[in-house]
């Protein structure tokens, strides 16, 4: 099976406002919206965003559930974090510093450098530079 996997196609996140989150990911990171669709059976709507080969699926549910530690319910907003690989972490830090609150630059146990920001729903986004 592992030989047939080509990579991660998308990450799905559940949010309070699809409009606010789509604006955040397009404005801050340069994603483009490529598709919108609805799932009446789930009382939800979604947007597919793309940046290069990476896709982000954003869900909004009319009966969304407040965040809590339960991975079994898609309607619960959030996940641990999304990590975006960047070529120049110092440049990314400088570009975002005036726009939002962020953590300090750090070196991880893996040797890579990173910092965190959060999206409008508090979903943590790691910007990561491999060493």
N, C-alpha and C. Protein backbone atom coordinates (compact mmCIF):
# COMPACT_ATOMS: atom_id res chain seq x y z
N UNK A 1 0.82 -1.20 0.00
CA UNK A 1 0.00 0.00 0.00
C UNK A 1 0.86 1.26 0.00
N UNK A 2 1.93 1.30 0.81
CA UNK A 2 2.71 2.53 0.93
C UNK A 2 3.32 2.97 -0.40
N UNK A 3 3.56 2.05 -1.31
CA UNK A 3 4.15 2.41 -2.60
C UNK A 3 3.14 3.10 -3.51
N UNK A 4 1.85 2.94 -3.23
CA UNK A 4 0.86 3.59 -4.07
C UNK A 4 0.49 4.99 -3.57
N UNK A 5 0.93 5.36 -2.38
CA UNK A 5 0.65 6.69 -1.84
C UNK A 5 1.63 7.68 -2.44
N UNK A 6 1.09 8.76 -3.02
CA UNK A 6 1.93 9.77 -3.67
C UNK A 6 2.21 10.96 -2.75
N UNK A 7 1.40 11.16 -1.75
CA UNK A 7 1.57 12.29 -0.84
C UNK A 7 0.25 12.64 -0.20
N UNK A 8 0.25 13.69 0.59
CA UNK A 8 -0.97 14.17 1.23
C UNK A 8 -1.75 14.98 0.21
N UNK A 9 -3.02 14.65 -0.01
CA UNK A 9 -3.84 15.40 -0.95
C UNK A 9 -4.39 16.67 -0.31
N UNK A 10 -5.02 16.53 0.87
CA UNK A 10 -5.57 17.69 1.54
C UNK A 10 -5.66 17.47 3.04
N UNK A 11 -5.80 18.58 3.72
CA UNK A 11 -6.09 18.60 5.15
C UNK A 11 -7.46 19.25 5.29
N UNK A 12 -8.34 18.66 6.08
CA UNK A 12 -9.68 19.22 6.30
C UNK A 12 -9.74 19.83 7.69
N UNK A 13 -10.28 21.05 7.75
CA UNK A 13 -10.49 21.70 9.03
C UNK A 13 -11.95 22.16 9.10
N UNK A 14 -12.50 22.14 10.30
CA UNK A 14 -13.86 22.62 10.53
C UNK A 14 -13.75 23.96 11.25
N UNK A 15 -14.49 24.95 10.75
CA UNK A 15 -14.36 26.31 11.25
C UNK A 15 -15.73 26.91 11.56
N UNK A 16 -15.71 28.04 12.23
CA UNK A 16 -16.95 28.74 12.55
C UNK A 16 -17.51 29.47 11.34
N UNK A 17 -16.63 30.10 10.54
CA UNK A 17 -17.06 30.89 9.39
C UNK A 17 -16.21 30.56 8.17
N UNK A 18 -16.83 29.95 7.16
CA UNK A 18 -16.11 29.60 5.94
C UNK A 18 -15.60 30.86 5.23
N UNK A 19 -16.37 31.94 5.30
CA UNK A 19 -15.96 33.19 4.65
C UNK A 19 -14.71 33.77 5.32
N UNK A 20 -14.74 33.86 6.63
CA UNK A 20 -13.61 34.42 7.37
C UNK A 20 -12.35 33.56 7.18
N UNK A 21 -12.50 32.26 7.24
CA UNK A 21 -11.33 31.37 7.11
C UNK A 21 -10.79 31.36 5.70
N UNK A 22 -11.67 31.37 4.70
CA UNK A 22 -11.20 31.43 3.31
C UNK A 22 -10.43 32.72 3.07
N UNK A 23 -10.93 33.82 3.58
CA UNK A 23 -10.22 35.09 3.44
C UNK A 23 -8.85 35.03 4.12
N UNK A 24 -8.78 34.45 5.31
CA UNK A 24 -7.52 34.34 6.04
C UNK A 24 -6.48 33.55 5.23
N UNK A 25 -6.85 32.36 4.78
CA UNK A 25 -5.88 31.51 4.09
C UNK A 25 -5.49 32.05 2.70
N UNK A 26 -6.40 32.76 2.05
CA UNK A 26 -6.05 33.34 0.75
C UNK A 26 -5.20 34.60 0.94
N UNK A 27 -5.57 35.45 1.88
CA UNK A 27 -4.85 36.71 2.10
C UNK A 27 -3.47 36.49 2.73
N UNK A 28 -3.39 35.65 3.75
CA UNK A 28 -2.14 35.49 4.50
C UNK A 28 -1.15 34.58 3.76
N UNK A 29 -1.64 33.47 3.19
CA UNK A 29 -0.74 32.49 2.61
C UNK A 29 -0.77 32.41 1.09
N UNK A 30 -1.77 33.02 0.46
CA UNK A 30 -1.82 32.98 -1.00
C UNK A 30 -2.54 31.79 -1.60
N UNK A 31 -3.34 31.06 -0.79
CA UNK A 31 -4.15 29.99 -1.34
C UNK A 31 -5.15 30.58 -2.33
N UNK A 32 -5.61 29.78 -3.27
CA UNK A 32 -6.67 30.16 -4.20
C UNK A 32 -7.85 29.23 -3.95
N UNK A 33 -9.05 29.81 -3.96
CA UNK A 33 -10.25 28.98 -3.83
C UNK A 33 -10.52 28.31 -5.18
N UNK A 34 -10.69 26.98 -5.17
CA UNK A 34 -10.91 26.26 -6.42
C UNK A 34 -12.30 25.63 -6.52
N UNK A 35 -12.98 25.46 -5.39
CA UNK A 35 -14.29 24.81 -5.44
C UNK A 35 -15.06 25.06 -4.14
N UNK A 36 -16.38 25.16 -4.26
CA UNK A 36 -17.28 25.19 -3.10
C UNK A 36 -18.35 24.13 -3.32
N UNK A 37 -18.77 23.51 -2.23
CA UNK A 37 -19.85 22.53 -2.32
C UNK A 37 -20.56 22.44 -0.98
N UNK A 38 -21.75 21.84 -1.00
CA UNK A 38 -22.54 21.67 0.22
C UNK A 38 -22.84 20.21 0.46
N UNK A 39 -23.00 19.86 1.73
CA UNK A 39 -23.44 18.53 2.14
C UNK A 39 -24.67 18.72 3.01
N UNK A 40 -25.85 18.65 2.39
CA UNK A 40 -27.09 18.85 3.14
C UNK A 40 -27.26 17.81 4.23
N UNK A 41 -26.78 16.58 3.98
CA UNK A 41 -26.90 15.52 4.97
C UNK A 41 -26.09 15.82 6.24
N UNK A 42 -25.10 16.71 6.14
CA UNK A 42 -24.28 17.09 7.30
C UNK A 42 -24.56 18.52 7.78
N UNK A 43 -25.51 19.20 7.12
CA UNK A 43 -25.76 20.61 7.41
C UNK A 43 -24.49 21.43 7.28
N UNK A 44 -23.71 21.11 6.22
CA UNK A 44 -22.43 21.78 6.07
C UNK A 44 -22.14 22.24 4.66
N UNK A 45 -21.20 23.15 4.59
CA UNK A 45 -20.68 23.60 3.31
C UNK A 45 -19.16 23.64 3.41
N UNK A 46 -18.51 23.53 2.24
CA UNK A 46 -17.05 23.44 2.25
C UNK A 46 -16.46 24.23 1.10
N UNK A 47 -15.21 24.61 1.27
CA UNK A 47 -14.43 25.25 0.22
C UNK A 47 -13.11 24.50 0.10
N UNK A 48 -12.70 24.23 -1.15
CA UNK A 48 -11.39 23.66 -1.41
C UNK A 48 -10.47 24.80 -1.82
N UNK A 49 -9.35 24.91 -1.13
CA UNK A 49 -8.34 25.90 -1.45
C UNK A 49 -7.09 25.17 -1.93
N UNK A 50 -6.31 25.83 -2.80
CA UNK A 50 -5.09 25.20 -3.30
C UNK A 50 -3.95 26.20 -3.30
N UNK A 51 -2.78 25.68 -2.94
CA UNK A 51 -1.53 26.43 -3.03
C UNK A 51 -0.49 25.44 -3.55
N UNK A 52 -0.12 25.57 -4.81
CA UNK A 52 0.78 24.60 -5.43
C UNK A 52 0.11 23.24 -5.46
N UNK A 53 0.78 22.23 -4.91
CA UNK A 53 0.23 20.88 -4.85
C UNK A 53 -0.53 20.60 -3.55
N UNK A 54 -0.63 21.60 -2.69
CA UNK A 54 -1.25 21.42 -1.39
C UNK A 54 -2.70 21.90 -1.44
N UNK A 55 -3.60 21.12 -0.84
CA UNK A 55 -5.02 21.48 -0.78
C UNK A 55 -5.47 21.58 0.67
N UNK A 56 -6.38 22.51 0.92
CA UNK A 56 -6.97 22.69 2.23
C UNK A 56 -8.48 22.68 2.04
N UNK A 57 -9.16 21.82 2.79
CA UNK A 57 -10.62 21.70 2.73
C UNK A 57 -11.19 22.33 4.00
N UNK A 58 -11.96 23.40 3.82
CA UNK A 58 -12.50 24.14 4.96
C UNK A 58 -14.00 23.86 5.07
N UNK A 59 -14.43 23.39 6.23
CA UNK A 59 -15.84 23.04 6.49
C UNK A 59 -16.46 24.01 7.47
N UNK A 60 -17.71 24.38 7.19
CA UNK A 60 -18.54 25.13 8.13
C UNK A 60 -19.84 24.37 8.29
N UNK A 61 -20.24 24.11 9.54
CA UNK A 61 -21.47 23.39 9.83
C UNK A 61 -22.44 24.31 10.56
N UNK A 62 -23.70 24.29 10.15
CA UNK A 62 -24.69 25.13 10.82
C UNK A 62 -24.90 24.69 12.26
N UNK A 63 -24.61 23.44 12.55
CA UNK A 63 -24.74 22.91 13.91
C UNK A 63 -23.37 22.48 14.44
N UNK A 64 -22.34 23.27 14.13
CA UNK A 64 -20.97 22.96 14.55
C UNK A 64 -20.85 22.81 16.05
N UNK A 65 -19.89 22.03 16.45
CA UNK A 65 -19.65 21.72 17.86
C UNK A 65 -18.41 22.48 18.31
N UNK A 66 -18.46 23.04 19.51
CA UNK A 66 -17.31 23.76 20.05
C UNK A 66 -16.10 22.83 20.16
N UNK A 67 -14.90 23.37 20.03
CA UNK A 67 -13.70 22.54 20.08
C UNK A 67 -13.58 21.75 21.39
N UNK A 68 -13.17 20.52 21.26
CA UNK A 68 -12.81 19.68 22.40
C UNK A 68 -11.95 18.54 21.87
N UNK A 69 -11.39 17.76 22.75
CA UNK A 69 -10.46 16.72 22.36
C UNK A 69 -11.20 15.44 21.95
N UNK A 70 -11.72 15.39 20.73
CA UNK A 70 -12.47 14.24 20.26
C UNK A 70 -12.27 14.13 18.75
N UNK A 71 -11.51 13.14 18.32
CA UNK A 71 -11.18 13.00 16.90
C UNK A 71 -12.25 12.26 16.10
N UNK A 72 -13.33 11.82 16.74
CA UNK A 72 -14.32 11.01 16.05
C UNK A 72 -15.42 11.82 15.36
N UNK A 73 -15.51 13.13 15.62
CA UNK A 73 -16.60 13.94 15.09
C UNK A 73 -16.04 15.03 14.18
N UNK A 74 -16.29 14.94 12.87
CA UNK A 74 -15.80 15.90 11.89
C UNK A 74 -16.30 17.32 12.16
N UNK A 75 -17.45 17.43 12.84
CA UNK A 75 -18.03 18.75 13.08
C UNK A 75 -17.31 19.55 14.16
N UNK A 76 -16.42 18.94 14.91
CA UNK A 76 -15.68 19.65 15.95
C UNK A 76 -14.59 20.48 15.29
N UNK A 77 -14.57 21.78 15.57
CA UNK A 77 -13.60 22.67 14.95
C UNK A 77 -12.18 22.38 15.42
N UNK A 78 -11.26 22.33 14.45
CA UNK A 78 -9.86 22.31 14.78
C UNK A 78 -9.12 21.00 14.62
N UNK A 79 -7.83 21.05 14.89
CA UNK A 79 -6.90 19.94 14.90
C UNK A 79 -5.67 20.41 15.65
N UNK A 80 -4.65 19.57 15.79
CA UNK A 80 -3.47 19.96 16.58
C UNK A 80 -2.74 21.13 15.92
N UNK A 81 -2.27 20.95 14.71
CA UNK A 81 -1.72 22.05 13.93
C UNK A 81 -1.47 21.61 12.51
N UNK A 82 -1.33 22.60 11.64
CA UNK A 82 -0.94 22.39 10.25
C UNK A 82 0.46 22.98 10.12
N UNK A 83 1.37 22.27 9.49
CA UNK A 83 2.72 22.80 9.29
C UNK A 83 2.93 23.08 7.81
N UNK A 84 3.26 24.33 7.48
CA UNK A 84 3.59 24.71 6.12
C UNK A 84 5.10 24.85 6.01
N UNK A 85 5.67 24.21 5.03
CA UNK A 85 7.10 24.30 4.78
C UNK A 85 7.40 25.62 4.08
N UNK A 86 8.43 26.32 4.56
CA UNK A 86 8.83 27.57 3.93
C UNK A 86 10.32 27.52 3.58
N UNK A 87 10.69 28.23 2.52
CA UNK A 87 12.09 28.26 2.09
C UNK A 87 12.92 29.19 2.96
N UNK A 88 12.32 30.30 3.43
CA UNK A 88 13.06 31.28 4.21
C UNK A 88 12.21 31.69 5.42
N UNK A 89 12.50 31.09 6.55
CA UNK A 89 11.70 31.33 7.75
C UNK A 89 11.84 32.77 8.25
N UNK A 90 13.02 33.32 8.16
CA UNK A 90 13.22 34.70 8.62
C UNK A 90 12.37 35.68 7.81
N UNK A 91 12.29 35.46 6.51
CA UNK A 91 11.47 36.31 5.64
C UNK A 91 9.99 36.16 5.99
N UNK A 92 9.52 34.92 6.17
CA UNK A 92 8.12 34.67 6.54
C UNK A 92 7.79 35.34 7.88
N UNK A 93 8.71 35.24 8.83
CA UNK A 93 8.51 35.85 10.15
C UNK A 93 8.38 37.36 10.02
N UNK A 94 9.27 37.96 9.25
CA UNK A 94 9.25 39.41 9.06
C UNK A 94 7.97 39.88 8.37
N UNK A 95 7.50 39.11 7.39
CA UNK A 95 6.27 39.48 6.66
C UNK A 95 5.03 39.42 7.54
N UNK A 96 4.97 38.45 8.44
CA UNK A 96 3.77 38.24 9.25
C UNK A 96 3.79 38.97 10.59
N UNK A 97 4.97 39.38 11.05
CA UNK A 97 5.10 39.95 12.39
C UNK A 97 4.18 41.14 12.62
N UNK A 98 4.02 42.00 11.64
CA UNK A 98 3.19 43.19 11.81
C UNK A 98 1.69 42.90 11.64
N UNK A 99 1.36 41.70 11.14
CA UNK A 99 -0.04 41.38 10.83
C UNK A 99 -0.74 40.59 11.92
N UNK A 100 0.01 39.87 12.75
CA UNK A 100 -0.63 38.98 13.72
C UNK A 100 0.30 38.60 14.85
N UNK A 101 -0.30 38.05 15.89
CA UNK A 101 0.46 37.55 17.02
C UNK A 101 1.09 36.22 16.63
N UNK A 102 2.34 36.00 17.05
CA UNK A 102 3.03 34.76 16.72
C UNK A 102 4.01 34.39 17.82
N UNK A 103 4.43 33.13 17.80
CA UNK A 103 5.41 32.68 18.77
C UNK A 103 6.80 33.17 18.33
N UNK A 104 7.76 32.97 19.18
CA UNK A 104 9.14 33.28 18.83
C UNK A 104 9.67 32.21 17.88
N UNK A 105 10.71 32.56 17.13
CA UNK A 105 11.40 31.57 16.30
C UNK A 105 12.08 30.57 17.22
N UNK A 106 11.98 29.30 16.86
CA UNK A 106 12.56 28.24 17.69
C UNK A 106 13.25 27.21 16.81
N UNK A 107 14.14 26.43 17.42
CA UNK A 107 14.76 25.29 16.75
C UNK A 107 14.18 24.05 17.42
N UNK A 108 13.60 23.15 16.61
CA UNK A 108 12.98 21.95 17.14
C UNK A 108 13.97 20.82 17.36
N UNK A 109 13.53 19.78 18.02
CA UNK A 109 14.37 18.62 18.27
C UNK A 109 14.84 17.97 16.97
N UNK A 110 14.07 18.16 15.89
CA UNK A 110 14.44 17.60 14.59
C UNK A 110 15.53 18.42 13.90
N UNK A 111 15.83 19.60 14.45
CA UNK A 111 16.83 20.47 13.84
C UNK A 111 16.24 21.57 12.98
N UNK A 112 14.97 21.44 12.63
CA UNK A 112 14.32 22.46 11.83
C UNK A 112 13.95 23.67 12.67
N UNK A 113 13.81 24.80 12.03
CA UNK A 113 13.39 26.03 12.69
C UNK A 113 11.91 26.26 12.40
N UNK A 114 11.21 26.90 13.36
CA UNK A 114 9.78 27.09 13.18
C UNK A 114 9.26 28.23 14.05
N UNK A 115 8.03 28.66 13.74
CA UNK A 115 7.24 29.50 14.63
C UNK A 115 5.78 29.19 14.36
N UNK A 116 4.91 29.59 15.30
CA UNK A 116 3.49 29.33 15.21
C UNK A 116 2.69 30.63 15.12
N UNK A 117 1.60 30.57 14.36
CA UNK A 117 0.55 31.58 14.37
C UNK A 117 -0.76 30.81 14.51
N UNK A 118 -1.88 31.51 14.61
CA UNK A 118 -3.17 30.80 14.63
C UNK A 118 -4.12 31.47 13.65
N UNK A 119 -5.06 30.66 13.14
CA UNK A 119 -6.07 31.18 12.21
C UNK A 119 -7.24 31.77 13.01
N UNK A 120 -8.27 32.27 12.35
CA UNK A 120 -9.38 32.90 13.08
C UNK A 120 -10.10 32.00 14.08
N UNK A 121 -10.00 30.67 13.91
CA UNK A 121 -10.64 29.75 14.86
C UNK A 121 -9.68 29.22 15.91
N UNK A 122 -8.45 29.75 15.92
CA UNK A 122 -7.46 29.30 16.89
C UNK A 122 -6.72 28.05 16.46
N UNK A 123 -6.89 27.62 15.21
CA UNK A 123 -6.15 26.46 14.72
C UNK A 123 -4.69 26.87 14.56
N UNK A 124 -3.81 26.11 15.15
CA UNK A 124 -2.39 26.46 15.14
C UNK A 124 -1.77 26.11 13.79
N UNK A 125 -0.98 27.07 13.27
CA UNK A 125 -0.27 26.90 12.01
C UNK A 125 1.21 27.08 12.29
N UNK A 126 1.96 26.06 11.97
CA UNK A 126 3.40 26.09 12.13
C UNK A 126 4.04 26.42 10.79
N UNK A 127 4.93 27.40 10.77
CA UNK A 127 5.74 27.67 9.60
C UNK A 127 7.10 27.07 9.89
N UNK A 128 7.54 26.16 9.02
CA UNK A 128 8.69 25.29 9.32
C UNK A 128 9.72 25.36 8.21
N UNK A 129 10.98 25.50 8.59
CA UNK A 129 12.09 25.50 7.65
C UNK A 129 13.02 24.36 8.01
N UNK A 130 13.18 23.42 7.08
CA UNK A 130 14.08 22.29 7.29
C UNK A 130 15.52 22.75 7.27
N UNK A 131 16.35 22.07 8.01
CA UNK A 131 17.80 22.37 8.03
C UNK A 131 18.56 21.22 7.43
